[in-house]
Amino acid sequence: MEIIFDRRLIALDQNITSASQAIELSGTLLPRQQICRPEYITAMLDVYKDFGPAIVIDSGLAMPHARPEKGAIRTGFSLITTRQPLHFGHEEFDPVSVIIGIAGADADNHIKMIQIIAALIESDIVSFLREEHDINAVFNFIHNKMESSLC
């Protein structure tokens, strides 16, 4: 299984003013790397409309996604950080400043993505990203966590 994540899937310190904009930007990075079709972005937004803050999975971190059949082609993820924290409507975990948009080509790959995100949360990715603004350092941090979580 190949999980696609590279520097082109990172956008740091974005001037975004709403949860929907953050979801859309995280999704927009995915088709550029042939991870999903453009309609997957609409499906990610629909999940947020239908389930609201359920995509906020930890303090300061949201994980927008959609079902594989909604346009996922391969498995990968994007990462954006926001200049100003955003409110997604989660009572415990708002505000959000880290958005990891994921796409899994099938259910098994979707689960692998969840394992990677869990490893990033355990590594306190949100605090790391508050202090680190260099794309190469961010990429290396995440890549190392990916390798260790998939072993």
Foldseek 3Di string as FASTA:
>chain_A
DDADDDLLQEAEAAADAAPLVVLLVFLVSCVVVPQWDNQFSVQLSVCCVVPFPPQADAAQEGEGGHALVSTGDAWYKGKYFHNDFYDRPDPPRDGHGIYIYIHHNHDVSVVLVVLLVVLCVVVVVVVVSVPDDDSVVNRVVSVVSSVVSVD
